[in-house]
Amino acid sequence: MYLHLGNGVSVPGADIIGIFDLDNASTSPRTREFLRTAEEEGMVIPGGEDLPKSMVVCCPKGSWQRVYLSPLAPQTLAGRIDSAVGR
């Protein structure tokens, strides 16, 4: 199963570690530090020109961690996962 993150970007569901609401998560100093470090290391993949609403952290098997910024709400992404697995 793949999860469509918006703007033509899809990721394998098995690679997803977590989906986070950027409005809530970005208030934490640790999350801001994580995002800053991920961006410095080239792990952040922007989700287009729209303001990002979600952060999707993925770790593909045998590869580096990636952080996708998505213009879709985290509830929308979670609903797509639930629909795909029949919940």
Protein backbone atom coordinates (compact mmCIF):
# COMPACT_ATOMS: atom_id res chain seq x y z
CA MET A 1 0.00 0.00 0.00
CA TYR A 2 1.17 3.50 -0.83
CA LEU A 3 0.08 6.71 0.86
CA HIS A 4 -0.46 9.73 -1.39
CA LEU A 5 0.90 12.83 0.39
CA GLY A 6 -0.29 15.39 -2.16
CA ASN A 7 1.40 17.11 -5.11
CA GLY A 8 2.13 13.80 -6.84
CA VAL A 9 4.16 12.34 -3.96
CA SER A 10 3.43 8.83 -2.64
CA VAL A 11 5.34 6.76 -0.10
CA PRO A 12 5.15 3.06 0.79
CA GLY A 13 3.00 2.60 3.89
CA ALA A 14 5.53 0.21 5.41
CA ASP A 15 8.15 3.01 5.45
CA ILE A 16 6.05 5.42 7.53
CA ILE A 17 7.21 5.94 11.10
CA GLY A 18 4.74 8.71 11.95
CA ILE A 19 2.41 11.43 10.72
CA PHE A 20 2.52 14.66 12.68
CA ASP A 21 0.46 17.84 12.71
CA LEU A 22 2.94 20.65 12.04
CA ASP A 23 0.86 23.24 13.92
CA ASN A 24 1.08 21.21 17.13
CA ALA A 25 4.48 19.55 16.66
CA SER A 26 6.35 22.71 15.69
CA THR A 27 5.68 24.29 19.09
CA SER A 28 8.12 21.83 20.66
CA PRO A 29 11.79 22.88 20.71
CA ARG A 30 12.80 19.25 20.09
CA THR A 31 10.67 19.03 16.97
CA ARG A 32 12.07 22.31 15.65
CA GLU A 33 15.60 21.01 16.28
CA PHE A 34 14.74 17.71 14.54
CA LEU A 35 13.41 19.57 11.49
CA ARG A 36 16.40 21.94 11.40
CA THR A 37 18.85 19.03 11.54
CA ALA A 38 16.90 17.02 8.95
CA GLU A 39 16.89 20.01 6.62
CA GLU A 40 20.64 20.59 7.07
CA GLU A 41 21.27 16.92 6.23
CA GLY A 42 19.08 17.04 3.11
CA MET A 43 16.42 14.69 4.48
CA VAL A 44 13.46 17.08 4.14
CA ILE A 45 11.36 16.76 1.00
CA PRO A 46 9.06 19.75 0.53
CA GLY A 47 5.44 19.18 -0.44
CA GLY A 48 5.14 21.90 -3.04
CA GLU A 49 4.38 25.58 -2.74
CA ASP A 50 1.37 25.21 -0.41
CA LEU A 51 1.84 25.75 3.31
CA PRO A 52 2.65 22.34 4.85
CA LYS A 53 0.16 20.99 7.37
CA SER A 54 1.73 17.59 8.05
CA MET A 55 5.13 16.09 8.56
CA VAL A 56 5.49 12.45 7.53
CA VAL A 57 8.62 10.74 8.84
CA CYS A 58 9.69 7.70 6.81
CA CYS A 59 12.57 5.29 7.06
CA PRO A 60 12.86 3.16 3.92
CA LYS A 61 14.56 -0.18 4.47
CA GLY A 62 18.25 0.11 3.62
CA SER A 63 18.12 3.87 3.15
CA TRP A 64 18.29 7.15 5.04
CA GLN A 65 15.40 8.63 6.96
CA ARG A 66 13.24 11.09 5.05
CA VAL A 67 10.88 13.80 6.25
CA TYR A 68 8.08 14.71 3.84
CA LEU A 69 6.16 17.94 4.29
CA SER A 70 2.58 17.58 3.06
CA PRO A 71 -0.07 20.20 2.34
CA LEU A 72 -2.71 17.70 3.49
CA ALA A 73 -4.04 17.60 7.04
CA PRO A 74 -2.77 14.74 9.22
CA GLN A 75 -6.36 13.55 9.70
CA THR A 76 -6.72 13.22 5.93
CA LEU A 77 -3.54 11.18 5.67
CA ALA A 78 -4.52 8.96 8.59
CA GLY A 79 -7.95 8.43 7.02
CA ARG A 80 -6.32 7.31 3.76
CA ILE A 81 -4.25 4.75 5.65
CA ASP A 82 -7.31 3.49 7.52
CA SER A 83 -9.26 3.17 4.25
CA ALA A 84 -6.43 1.27 2.58
CA VAL A 85 -6.21 -1.34 5.34
CA GLY A 86 -9.98 -1.62 5.77
CA ARG A 87 -10.41 -0.09 9.22
